[in-house]
């Protein structure tokens, strides 16, 4: 029994990565098919991974450049929520704008 517990502890230790990875904004943009205008600045990027994957990105962007972000990211005119087939997976995308703060939610289900 002690040997079994020791082996189990070793296996669990080997599977643990220790510190969680920090996602890059580029990973999130690639995942969600987002084309970021040069005028944008990323403030925060978070993600959760399990059965599904979710990225949340907060950025600052001049209000006049939001339509450019939506068009370049293949959103239909006037639409800020959609789903796209990106790299063989269905990605649900939501863009929320509050002044110059833009929040992106990008996730699979």
PDB file of N, CA and C in Angstrom:
ATOM      1  N   UNK A   1       0.822  -1.190   0.000  1.00  0.00           N
ATOM      2  CA  UNK A   1       0.000   0.000   0.000  1.00  0.00           C
ATOM      3  C   UNK A   1       0.873   1.263   0.000  1.00  0.00           C
ATOM      4  N   UNK A   2       1.965   1.241   0.787  1.00  0.00           N
ATOM      5  CA  UNK A   2       2.855   2.392   0.837  1.00  0.00           C
ATOM      6  C   UNK A   2       3.495   2.642  -0.529  1.00  0.00           C
ATOM      7  N   UNK A   3       3.832   1.566  -1.220  1.00  0.00           N
ATOM      8  CA  UNK A   3       4.440   1.701  -2.541  1.00  0.00           C
ATOM      9  C   UNK A   3       3.436   2.322  -3.510  1.00  0.00           C
ATOM     10  N   UNK A   4       2.202   1.863  -3.454  1.00  0.00           N
ATOM     11  CA  UNK A   4       1.158   2.405  -4.318  1.00  0.00           C
ATOM     12  C   UNK A   4       0.963   3.905  -4.068  1.00  0.00           C
ATOM     13  N   UNK A   5       0.937   4.314  -2.820  1.00  0.00           N
ATOM     14  CA  UNK A   5       0.797   5.728  -2.483  1.00  0.00           C
ATOM     15  C   UNK A   5       2.000   6.542  -2.970  1.00  0.00           C
ATOM     16  N   UNK A   6       3.187   5.968  -2.852  1.00  0.00           N
ATOM     17  CA  UNK A   6       4.391   6.653  -3.307  1.00  0.00           C
ATOM     18  C   UNK A   6       4.366   6.836  -4.822  1.00  0.00           C
ATOM     19  N   UNK A   7       3.961   5.805  -5.555  1.00  0.00           N
ATOM     20  CA  UNK A   7       3.874   5.887  -7.011  1.00  0.00           C
ATOM     21  C   UNK A   7       2.817   6.913  -7.410  1.00  0.00           C
ATOM     22  N   UNK A   8       1.686   6.882  -6.737  1.00  0.00           N
ATOM     23  CA  UNK A   8       0.626   7.843  -7.025  1.00  0.00           C
ATOM     24  C   UNK A   8       1.107   9.275  -6.779  1.00  0.00           C
ATOM     25  N   UNK A   9       1.823   9.509  -5.717  1.00  0.00           N
ATOM     26  CA  UNK A   9       2.361  10.847  -5.420  1.00  0.00           C
ATOM     27  C   UNK A   9       3.332  11.290  -6.506  1.00  0.00           C
ATOM     28  N   UNK A  10       4.170  10.390  -6.985  1.00  0.00           N
ATOM     29  CA  UNK A  10       5.107  10.726  -8.059  1.00  0.00           C
ATOM     30  C   UNK A  10       4.378  11.070  -9.350  1.00  0.00           C
ATOM     31  N   UNK A  11       3.354  10.302  -9.680  1.00  0.00           N
ATOM     32  CA  UNK A  11       2.592  10.545 -10.905  1.00  0.00           C
ATOM     33  C   UNK A  11       1.895  11.896 -10.822  1.00  0.00           C
ATOM     34  N   UNK A  12       1.269  12.182  -9.698  1.00  0.00           N
ATOM     35  CA  UNK A  12       0.579  13.460  -9.544  1.00  0.00           C
ATOM     36  C   UNK A  12       1.552  14.631  -9.578  1.00  0.00           C
ATOM     37  N   UNK A  13       2.709  14.479  -9.011  1.00  0.00           N
ATOM     38  CA  UNK A  13       3.722  15.529  -9.045  1.00  0.00           C
ATOM     39  C   UNK A  13       4.199  15.760 -10.474  1.00  0.00           C
ATOM     40  N   UNK A  14       4.380  14.702 -11.226  1.00  0.00           N
ATOM     41  CA  UNK A  14       4.840  14.827 -12.612  1.00  0.00           C
ATOM     42  C   UNK A  14       3.792  15.492 -13.489  1.00  0.00           C
ATOM     43  N   UNK A  15       2.512  15.283 -13.182  1.00  0.00           N
ATOM     44  CA  UNK A  15       1.436  15.874 -13.975  1.00  0.00           C
ATOM     45  C   UNK A  15       1.219  17.351 -13.657  1.00  0.00           C
ATOM     46  N   UNK A  16       1.620  17.783 -12.504  1.00  0.00           N
ATOM     47  CA  UNK A  16       1.401  19.173 -12.119  1.00  0.00           C
ATOM     48  C   UNK A  16       2.412  20.062 -12.812  1.00  0.00           C
ATOM     49  N   UNK A  17       1.939  21.214 -13.314  1.00  0.00           N
ATOM     50  CA  UNK A  17       2.838  22.130 -14.007  1.00  0.00           C
ATOM     51  C   UNK A  17       3.369  23.206 -13.079  1.00  0.00           C
ATOM     52  N   UNK A  18       2.887  23.238 -11.851  1.00  0.00           N
ATOM     53  CA  UNK A  18       3.333  24.268 -10.923  1.00  0.00           C
ATOM     54  C   UNK A  18       2.629  25.565 -11.210  1.00  0.00           C
ATOM     55  N   UNK A  19       3.328  26.503 -11.777  1.00  0.00           N
ATOM     56  CA  UNK A  19       2.798  27.826 -12.066  1.00  0.00           C
ATOM     57  C   UNK A  19       1.947  27.798 -13.348  1.00  0.00           C
ATOM     58  N   UNK A  20       0.726  28.367 -13.316  1.00  0.00           N
ATOM     59  CA  UNK A  20      -0.093  28.368 -14.525  1.00  0.00           C
ATOM     60  C   UNK A  20       0.502  29.276 -15.593  1.00  0.00           C
ATOM     61  N   UNK A  21       0.280  28.900 -16.839  1.00  0.00           N
ATOM     62  CA  UNK A  21       0.781  29.693 -17.952  1.00  0.00           C
ATOM     63  C   UNK A  21       0.019  31.016 -18.028  1.00  0.00           C
ATOM     64  N   UNK A  22       0.690  32.027 -18.491  1.00  0.00           N
ATOM     65  CA  UNK A  22       0.034  33.301 -18.739  1.00  0.00           C
ATOM     66  C   UNK A  22      -0.225  33.395 -20.236  1.00  0.00           C
ATOM     67  N   UNK A  23      -1.481  33.548 -20.624  1.00  0.00           N
ATOM     68  CA  UNK A  23      -1.773  33.615 -22.052  1.00  0.00           C
ATOM     69  C   UNK A  23      -1.305  34.945 -22.640  1.00  0.00           C
ATOM     70  N   UNK A  24      -0.941  34.922 -23.894  1.00  0.00           N
ATOM     71  CA  UNK A  24      -0.581  36.167 -24.563  1.00  0.00           C
ATOM     72  C   UNK A  24      -1.815  36.682 -25.298  1.00  0.00           C
ATOM     73  N   UNK A  25      -1.905  37.984 -25.481  1.00  0.00           N
ATOM     74  CA  UNK A  25      -3.021  38.512 -26.267  1.00  0.00           C
ATOM     75  C   UNK A  25      -3.062  37.919 -27.674  1.00  0.00           C
ATOM     76  N   UNK A  26      -1.893  37.692 -28.253  1.00  0.00           N
ATOM     77  CA  UNK A  26      -1.835  37.120 -29.599  1.00  0.00           C
ATOM     78  C   UNK A  26      -2.491  35.738 -29.651  1.00  0.00           C
ATOM     79  N   UNK A  27      -2.293  34.934 -28.596  1.00  0.00           N
ATOM     80  CA  UNK A  27      -2.953  33.622 -28.536  1.00  0.00           C
ATOM     81  C   UNK A  27      -4.465  33.789 -28.521  1.00  0.00           C
ATOM     82  N   UNK A  28      -4.939  34.720 -27.718  1.00  0.00           N
ATOM     83  CA  UNK A  28      -6.377  34.964 -27.627  1.00  0.00           C
ATOM     84  C   UNK A  28      -6.931  35.453 -28.962  1.00  0.00           C
ATOM     85  N   UNK A  29      -6.227  36.396 -29.606  1.00  0.00           N
ATOM     86  CA  UNK A  29      -6.689  36.916 -30.888  1.00  0.00           C
ATOM     87  C   UNK A  29      -6.718  35.820 -31.951  1.00  0.00           C
ATOM     88  N   UNK A  30      -5.696  34.999 -31.984  1.00  0.00           N
ATOM     89  CA  UNK A  30      -5.633  33.890 -32.952  1.00  0.00           C
ATOM     90  C   UNK A  30      -6.771  32.904 -32.683  1.00  0.00           C
ATOM     91  N   UNK A  31      -6.996  32.567 -31.417  1.00  0.00           N
ATOM     92  CA  UNK A  31      -8.057  31.648 -31.019  1.00  0.00           C
ATOM     93  C   UNK A  31      -9.429  32.153 -31.476  1.00  0.00           C
ATOM     94  N   UNK A  32      -9.669  33.473 -31.321  1.00  0.00           N
ATOM     95  CA  UNK A  32     -10.976  34.033 -31.635  1.00  0.00           C
ATOM     96  C   UNK A  32     -11.100  34.674 -32.999  1.00  0.00           C
ATOM     97  N   UNK A  33     -10.049  34.616 -33.802  1.00  0.00           N
ATOM     98  CA  UNK A  33     -10.113  35.236 -35.123  1.00  0.00           C
ATOM     99  C   UNK A  33     -10.251  36.748 -35.044  1.00  0.00           C
ATOM    100  N   UNK A  34      -9.611  37.339 -34.059  1.00  0.00           N
ATOM    101  CA  UNK A  34      -9.701  38.779 -33.838  1.00  0.00           C
ATOM    102  C   UNK A  34      -8.521  39.478 -34.499  1.00  0.00           C
ATOM    103  N   UNK A  35      -8.823  40.547 -35.222  1.00  0.00           N
ATOM    104  CA  UNK A  35      -7.787  41.358 -35.855  1.00  0.00           C
ATOM    105  C   UNK A  35      -7.752  42.696 -35.130  1.00  0.00           C
ATOM    106  N   UNK A  36      -6.728  42.889 -34.341  1.00  0.00           N
ATOM    107  CA  UNK A  36      -6.600  44.064 -33.480  1.00  0.00           C
ATOM    108  C   UNK A  36      -6.030  45.243 -34.250  1.00  0.00           C
ATOM    109  N   UNK A  37      -6.722  46.398 -34.231  1.00  0.00           N
ATOM    110  CA  UNK A  37      -6.153  47.598 -34.869  1.00  0.00           C
ATOM    111  C   UNK A  37      -4.884  48.042 -34.149  1.00  0.00           C
ATOM    112  N   UNK A  38      -4.003  48.688 -34.878  1.00  0.00           N
ATOM    113  CA  UNK A  38      -2.741  49.153 -34.294  1.00  0.00           C
ATOM    114  C   UNK A  38      -2.962  50.159 -33.173  1.00  0.00           C
ATOM    115  N   UNK A  39      -4.109  50.835 -33.179  1.00  0.00           N
ATOM    116  CA  UNK A  39      -4.390  51.853 -32.161  1.00  0.00           C
ATOM    117  C   UNK A  39      -4.798  51.244 -30.815  1.00  0.00           C
ATOM    118  N   UNK A  40      -5.032  49.928 -30.772  1.00  0.00           N
ATOM    119  CA  UNK A  40      -5.474  49.276 -29.546  1.00  0.00           C
ATOM    120  C   UNK A  40      -4.327  48.943 -28.610  1.00  0.00           C
ATOM    121  N   UNK A  41      -4.638  48.907 -27.327  1.00  0.00           N
ATOM    122  CA  UNK A  41      -3.653  48.519 -26.321  1.00  0.00           C
ATOM    123  C   UNK A  41      -4.304  47.527 -25.372  1.00  0.00           C
ATOM    124  N   UNK A  42      -3.697  46.363 -25.208  1.00  0.00           N
ATOM    125  CA  UNK A  42      -4.230  45.323 -24.329  1.00  0.00           C
ATOM    126  C   UNK A  42      -3.921  45.675 -22.882  1.00  0.00           C
ATOM    127  N   UNK A  43      -4.962  45.623 -22.044  1.00  0.00           N
ATOM    128  CA  UNK A  43      -4.811  45.898 -20.618  1.00  0.00           C
ATOM    129  C   UNK A  43      -4.699  44.617 -19.807  1.00  0.00           C
ATOM    130  N   UNK A  44      -5.429  43.570 -20.233  1.00  0.00           N
ATOM    131  CA  UNK A  44      -5.463  42.322 -19.457  1.00  0.00           C
ATOM    132  C   UNK A  44      -5.901  41.167 -20.349  1.00  0.00           C
ATOM    133  N   UNK A  45      -5.316  40.008 -20.117  1.00  0.00           N
ATOM    134  CA  UNK A  45      -5.709  38.786 -20.817  1.00  0.00           C
ATOM    135  C   UNK A  45      -5.820  37.669 -19.788  1.00  0.00           C
ATOM    136  N   UNK A  46      -6.964  36.983 -19.789  1.00  0.00           N
ATOM    137  CA  UNK A  46      -7.187  35.844 -18.897  1.00  0.00           C
ATOM    138  C   UNK A  46      -7.697  34.673 -19.728  1.00  0.00           C
ATOM    139  N   UNK A  47      -7.532  33.486 -19.190  1.00  0.00           N
ATOM    140  CA  UNK A  47      -8.130  32.336 -19.843  1.00  0.00           C
ATOM    141  C   UNK A  47      -8.383  31.220 -18.853  1.00  0.00           C
ATOM    142  N   UNK A  48      -9.310  30.360 -19.247  1.00  0.00           N
ATOM    143  CA  UNK A  48      -9.624  29.156 -18.489  1.00  0.00           C
ATOM    144  C   UNK A  48      -9.622  28.004 -19.477  1.00  0.00           C
ATOM    145  N   UNK A  49      -9.037  26.920 -19.056  1.00  0.00           N
ATOM    146  CA  UNK A  49      -9.012  25.732 -19.910  1.00  0.00           C
ATOM    147  C   UNK A  49      -9.509  24.542 -19.127  1.00  0.00           C
ATOM    148  N   UNK A  50     -10.318  23.767 -19.752  1.00  0.00           N
ATOM    149  CA  UNK A  50     -10.866  22.535 -19.213  1.00  0.00           C
ATOM    150  C   UNK A  50     -11.378  21.777 -20.415  1.00  0.00           C
ATOM    151  N   UNK A  51     -12.602  21.330 -20.338  1.00  0.00           N
ATOM    152  CA  UNK A  51     -13.220  20.722 -21.520  1.00  0.00           C
ATOM    153  C   UNK A  51     -13.377  21.793 -22.596  1.00  0.00           C
ATOM    154  N   UNK A  52     -13.751  22.994 -22.151  1.00  0.00           N
ATOM    155  CA  UNK A  52     -13.875  24.145 -23.043  1.00  0.00           C
ATOM    156  C   UNK A  52     -12.732  25.108 -22.782  1.00  0.00           C
ATOM    157  N   UNK A  53     -12.579  26.072 -23.676  1.00  0.00           N
ATOM    158  CA  UNK A  53     -11.539  27.089 -23.538  1.00  0.00           C
ATOM    159  C   UNK A  53     -12.215  28.456 -23.580  1.00  0.00           C
ATOM    160  N   UNK A  54     -11.780  29.364 -22.694  1.00  0.00           N
ATOM    161  CA  UNK A  54     -12.315  30.718 -22.707  1.00  0.00           C
ATOM    162  C   UNK A  54     -11.191  31.720 -22.498  1.00  0.00           C
ATOM    163  N   UNK A  55     -11.142  32.701 -23.375  1.00  0.00           N
ATOM    164  CA  UNK A  55     -10.231  33.835 -23.226  1.00  0.00           C
ATOM    165  C   UNK A  55     -11.075  35.073 -22.952  1.00  0.00           C
ATOM    166  N   UNK A  56     -10.583  35.916 -22.077  1.00  0.00           N
ATOM    167  CA  UNK A  56     -11.174  37.236 -21.837  1.00  0.00           C
ATOM    168  C   UNK A  56     -10.055  38.247 -21.997  1.00  0.00           C
ATOM    169  N   UNK A  57     -10.290  39.228 -22.847  1.00  0.00           N
ATOM    170  CA  UNK A  57      -9.287  40.249 -23.119  1.00  0.00           C
ATOM    171  C   UNK A  57      -9.932  41.611 -22.896  1.00  0.00           C
ATOM    172  N   UNK A  58      -9.247  42.457 -22.144  1.00  0.00           N
ATOM    173  CA  UNK A  58      -9.689  43.834 -21.948  1.00  0.00           C
ATOM    174  C   UNK A  58      -8.662  44.720 -22.638  1.00  0.00           C
ATOM    175  N   UNK A  59      -9.163  45.625 -23.470  1.00  0.00           N
ATOM    176  CA  UNK A  59      -8.258  46.518 -24.169  1.00  0.00           C
ATOM    177  C   UNK A  59      -8.837  47.918 -24.220  1.00  0.00           C
ATOM    178  N   UNK A  60      -8.001  48.846 -24.533  1.00  0.00           N
ATOM    179  CA  UNK A  60      -8.435  50.215 -24.750  1.00  0.00           C
ATOM    180  C   UNK A  60      -8.255  50.503 -26.232  1.00  0.00           C
ATOM    181  N   UNK A  61      -9.269  51.150 -26.791  1.00  0.00           N
ATOM    182  CA  UNK A  61      -9.296  51.369 -28.228  1.00  0.00           C
ATOM    183  C   UNK A  61     -10.118  52.626 -28.499  1.00  0.00           C
ATOM    184  N   UNK A  62      -9.623  53.548 -29.310  1.00  0.00           N
ATOM    185  CA  UNK A  62     -10.437  54.714 -29.639  1.00  0.00           C
ATOM    186  C   UNK A  62     -11.793  54.278 -30.205  1.00  0.00           C
ATOM    187  N   UNK A  63     -12.855  54.940 -29.770  1.00  0.00           N
ATOM    188  CA  UNK A  63     -14.218  54.552 -30.174  1.00  0.00           C
ATOM    189  C   UNK A  63     -14.361  54.479 -31.694  1.00  0.00           C
ATOM    190  N   UNK A  64     -13.690  55.358 -32.414  1.00  0.00           N
ATOM    191  CA  UNK A  64     -13.821  55.361 -33.878  1.00  0.00           C
ATOM    192  C   UNK A  64     -13.156  54.144 -34.526  1.00  0.00           C
ATOM    193  N   UNK A  65     -12.325  53.401 -33.777  1.00  0.00           N
ATOM    194  CA  UNK A  65     -11.658  52.219 -34.332  1.00  0.00           C
ATOM    195  C   UNK A  65     -12.389  50.911 -34.024  1.00  0.00           C
ATOM    196  N   UNK A  66     -13.435  50.966 -33.206  1.00  0.00           N
ATOM    197  CA  UNK A  66     -14.195  49.745 -32.892  1.00  0.00           C
ATOM    198  C   UNK A  66     -14.809  49.138 -34.157  1.00  0.00           C
ATOM    199  N   UNK A  67     -15.444  49.930 -35.043  1.00  0.00           N
ATOM    200  CA  UNK A  67     -15.967  49.322 -36.275  1.00  0.00           C
ATOM    201  C   UNK A  67     -14.882  48.628 -37.107  1.00  0.00           C
ATOM    202  N   UNK A  68     -13.672  49.180 -37.104  1.00  0.00           N
ATOM    203  CA  UNK A  68     -12.556  48.560 -37.830  1.00  0.00           C
ATOM    204  C   UNK A  68     -12.228  47.193 -37.223  1.00  0.00           C
ATOM    205  N   UNK A  69     -12.192  47.108 -35.891  1.00  0.00           N
ATOM    206  CA  UNK A  69     -11.929  45.833 -35.213  1.00  0.00           C
ATOM    207  C   UNK A  69     -12.983  44.806 -35.598  1.00  0.00           C
ATOM    208  N   UNK A  70     -14.265  45.208 -35.560  1.00  0.00           N
ATOM    209  CA  UNK A  70     -15.353  44.280 -35.879  1.00  0.00           C
ATOM    210  C   UNK A  70     -15.295  43.827 -37.332  1.00  0.00           C
ATOM    211  N   UNK A  71     -15.084  44.763 -38.245  1.00  0.00           N
ATOM    212  CA  UNK A  71     -15.037  44.407 -39.666  1.00  0.00           C
ATOM    213  C   UNK A  71     -13.841  43.502 -39.976  1.00  0.00           C
ATOM    214  N   UNK A  72     -12.660  43.871 -39.470  1.00  0.00           N
ATOM    215  CA  UNK A  72     -11.452  43.080 -39.731  1.00  0.00           C
ATOM    216  C   UNK A  72     -11.524  41.696 -39.097  1.00  0.00           C
ATOM    217  N   UNK A  73     -12.360  41.549 -38.049  1.00  0.00           N
ATOM    218  CA  UNK A  73     -12.515  40.261 -37.360  1.00  0.00           C
ATOM    219  C   UNK A  73     -13.700  39.464 -37.897  1.00  0.00           C
ATOM    220  N   UNK A  74     -14.264  39.921 -39.016  1.00  0.00           N
ATOM    221  CA  UNK A  74     -15.350  39.234 -39.731  1.00  0.00           C
ATOM    222  C   UNK A  74     -16.667  39.163 -38.972  1.00  0.00           C
ATOM    223  N   UNK A  75     -16.978  40.194 -38.160  1.00  0.00           N
ATOM    224  CA  UNK A  75     -18.306  40.297 -37.586  1.00  0.00           C
ATOM    225  C   UNK A  75     -19.216  40.886 -38.666  1.00  0.00           C
ATOM    226  N   UNK A  76     -20.468  40.469 -38.695  1.00  0.00           N
ATOM    227  CA  UNK A  76     -21.438  41.056 -39.618  1.00  0.00           C
ATOM    228  C   UNK A  76     -21.689  42.504 -39.198  1.00  0.00           C
ATOM    229  N   UNK A  77     -22.055  43.375 -40.128  1.00  0.00           N
ATOM    230  CA  UNK A  77     -22.309  44.778 -39.786  1.00  0.00           C
ATOM    231  C   UNK A  77     -23.341  44.914 -38.657  1.00  0.00           C
ATOM    232  N   UNK A  78     -22.992  45.714 -37.649  1.00  0.00           N
ATOM    233  CA  UNK A  78     -23.893  45.962 -36.522  1.00  0.00           C
ATOM    234  C   UNK A  78     -23.955  44.853 -35.483  1.00  0.00           C
ATOM    235  N   UNK A  79     -23.166  43.803 -35.656  1.00  0.00           N
ATOM    236  CA  UNK A  79     -23.200  42.644 -34.752  1.00  0.00           C
ATOM    237  C   UNK A  79     -21.981  42.666 -33.834  1.00  0.00           C
ATOM    238  N   UNK A  80     -22.201  42.425 -32.531  1.00  0.00           N
ATOM    239  CA  UNK A  80     -21.087  42.352 -31.580  1.00  0.00           C
ATOM    240  C   UNK A  80     -20.998  40.992 -30.896  1.00  0.00           C
ATOM    241  N   UNK A  81     -21.904  40.067 -31.258  1.00  0.00           N
ATOM    242  CA  UNK A  81     -21.846  38.689 -30.757  1.00  0.00           C
ATOM    243  C   UNK A  81     -22.069  37.754 -31.932  1.00  0.00           C
ATOM    244  N   UNK A  82     -21.233  36.736 -32.039  1.00  0.00           N
ATOM    245  CA  UNK A  82     -21.424  35.744 -33.082  1.00  0.00           C
ATOM    246  C   UNK A  82     -20.682  34.471 -32.732  1.00  0.00           C
ATOM    247  N   UNK A  83     -20.722  33.521 -33.632  1.00  0.00           N
ATOM    248  CA  UNK A  83     -19.884  32.332 -33.516  1.00  0.00           C
ATOM    249  C   UNK A  83     -19.284  32.080 -34.888  1.00  0.00           C
ATOM    250  N   UNK A  84     -18.036  31.651 -34.868  1.00  0.00           N
ATOM    251  CA  UNK A  84     -17.282  31.412 -36.094  1.00  0.00           C
ATOM    252  C   UNK A  84     -16.596  30.059 -35.991  1.00  0.00           C
ATOM    253  N   UNK A  85     -16.403  29.434 -37.134  1.00  0.00           N
ATOM    254  CA  UNK A  85     -15.592  28.226 -37.200  1.00  0.00           C
ATOM    255  C   UNK A  85     -14.160  28.680 -37.451  1.00  0.00           C
ATOM    256  N   UNK A  86     -13.295  28.499 -36.436  1.00  0.00           N
ATOM    257  CA  UNK A  86     -11.910  28.949 -36.514  1.00  0.00           C
ATOM    258  C   UNK A  86     -10.996  27.766 -36.224  1.00  0.00           C
ATOM    259  N   UNK A  87     -10.156  27.445 -37.169  1.00  0.00           N
ATOM    260  CA  UNK A  87      -9.231  26.313 -37.038  1.00  0.00           C
ATOM    261  C   UNK A  87      -9.954  25.031 -36.627  1.00  0.00           C
ATOM    262  N   UNK A  88     -11.130  24.795 -37.198  1.00  0.00           N
ATOM    263  CA  UNK A  88     -11.863  23.553 -36.961  1.00  0.00           C
ATOM    264  C   UNK A  88     -12.660  23.501 -35.674  1.00  0.00           C
ATOM    265  N   UNK A  89     -12.760  24.606 -34.946  1.00  0.00           N
ATOM    266  CA  UNK A  89     -13.561  24.597 -33.715  1.00  0.00           C
ATOM    267  C   UNK A  89     -14.524  25.778 -33.742  1.00  0.00           C
ATOM    268  N   UNK A  90     -15.689  25.591 -33.144  1.00  0.00           N
ATOM    269  CA  UNK A  90     -16.692  26.647 -33.066  1.00  0.00           C
ATOM    270  C   UNK A  90     -16.334  27.566 -31.917  1.00  0.00           C
ATOM    271  N   UNK A  91     -16.102  28.841 -32.205  1.00  0.00           N
ATOM    272  CA  UNK A  91     -15.727  29.833 -31.198  1.00  0.00           C
ATOM    273  C   UNK A  91     -16.833  30.879 -31.104  1.00  0.00           C
ATOM    274  N   UNK A  92     -17.357  31.057 -29.903  1.00  0.00           N
ATOM    275  CA  UNK A  92     -18.351  32.079 -29.638  1.00  0.00           C
ATOM    276  C   UNK A  92     -17.612  33.341 -29.216  1.00  0.00           C
ATOM    277  N   UNK A  93     -17.991  34.464 -29.834  1.00  0.00           N
ATOM    278  CA  UNK A  93     -17.266  35.710 -29.618  1.00  0.00           C
ATOM    279  C   UNK A  93     -18.241  36.808 -29.215  1.00  0.00           C
ATOM    280  N   UNK A  94     -17.850  37.578 -28.220  1.00  0.00           N
ATOM    281  CA  UNK A  94     -18.678  38.688 -27.761  1.00  0.00           C
ATOM    282  C   UNK A  94     -17.771  39.892 -27.534  1.00  0.00           C
ATOM    283  N   UNK A  95     -18.199  41.044 -28.057  1.00  0.00           N
ATOM    284  CA  UNK A  95     -17.466  42.289 -27.887  1.00  0.00           C
ATOM    285  C   UNK A  95     -18.376  43.257 -27.139  1.00  0.00           C
ATOM    286  N   UNK A  96     -17.912  43.751 -25.992  1.00  0.00           N
ATOM    287  CA  UNK A  96     -18.654  44.744 -25.217  1.00  0.00           C
ATOM    288  C   UNK A  96     -17.828  46.019 -25.170  1.00  0.00           C
ATOM    289  N   UNK A  97     -18.454  47.139 -25.511  1.00  0.00           N
ATOM    290  CA  UNK A  97     -17.754  48.418 -25.579  1.00  0.00           C
ATOM    291  C   UNK A  97     -18.337  49.366 -24.541  1.00  0.00           C
ATOM    292  N   UNK A  98     -17.449  49.962 -23.750  1.00  0.00           N
ATOM    293  CA  UNK A  98     -17.844  50.970 -22.760  1.00  0.00           C
ATOM    294  C   UNK A  98     -16.855  52.129 -22.891  1.00  0.00           C
ATOM    295  N   UNK A  99     -17.227  53.126 -23.687  1.00  0.00           N
ATOM    296  CA  UNK A  99     -16.299  54.232 -23.958  1.00  0.00           C
ATOM    297  C   UNK A  99     -15.134  53.724 -24.785  1.00  0.00           C
ATOM    298  N   UNK A 100     -13.932  53.868 -24.245  1.00  0.00           N
ATOM    299  CA  UNK A 100     -12.743  53.370 -24.953  1.00  0.00           C
ATOM    300  C   UNK A 100     -12.296  52.006 -24.438  1.00  0.00           C
ATOM    301  N   UNK A 101     -13.037  51.436 -23.490  1.00  0.00           N
ATOM    302  CA  UNK A 101     -12.715  50.096 -22.976  1.00  0.00           C
ATOM    303  C   UNK A 101     -13.506  49.062 -23.759  1.00  0.00           C
ATOM    304  N   UNK A 102     -12.797  48.074 -24.280  1.00  0.00           N
ATOM    305  CA  UNK A 102     -13.409  47.002 -25.061  1.00  0.00           C
ATOM    306  C   UNK A 102     -13.102  45.685 -24.361  1.00  0.00           C
ATOM    307  N   UNK A 103     -14.148  44.892 -24.133  1.00  0.00           N
ATOM    308  CA  UNK A 103     -13.985  43.581 -23.508  1.00  0.00           C
ATOM    309  C   UNK A 103     -14.348  42.501 -24.521  1.00  0.00           C
ATOM    310  N   UNK A 104     -13.425  41.579 -24.727  1.00  0.00           N
ATOM    311  CA  UNK A 104     -13.659  40.451 -25.637  1.00  0.00           C
ATOM    312  C   UNK A 104     -13.821  39.188 -24.814  1.00  0.00           C
ATOM    313  N   UNK A 105     -14.871  38.429 -25.101  1.00  0.00           N
ATOM    314  CA  UNK A 105     -15.054  37.084 -24.542  1.00  0.00           C
ATOM    315  C   UNK A 105     -15.032  36.124 -25.706  1.00  0.00           C
ATOM    316  N   UNK A 106     -14.144  35.160 -25.653  1.00  0.00           N
ATOM    317  CA  UNK A 106     -13.938  34.210 -26.735  1.00  0.00           C
ATOM    318  C   UNK A 106     -13.937  32.817 -26.123  1.00  0.00           C
ATOM    319  N   UNK A 107     -14.896  31.959 -26.530  1.00  0.00           N
ATOM    320  CA  UNK A 107     -14.964  30.657 -25.870  1.00  0.00           C
ATOM    321  C   UNK A 107     -15.579  29.592 -26.763  1.00  0.00           C
ATOM    322  N   UNK A 108     -15.259  28.350 -26.438  1.00  0.00           N
ATOM    323  CA  UNK A 108     -15.850  27.187 -27.104  1.00  0.00           C
ATOM    324  C   UNK A 108     -16.846  26.570 -26.124  1.00  0.00           C
ATOM    325  N   UNK A 109     -17.745  25.754 -26.660  1.00  0.00           N
ATOM    326  CA  UNK A 109     -18.648  24.991 -25.774  1.00  0.00           C
ATOM    327  C   UNK A 109     -18.809  23.596 -26.309  1.00  0.00           C
TER     328      UNK A 109
END
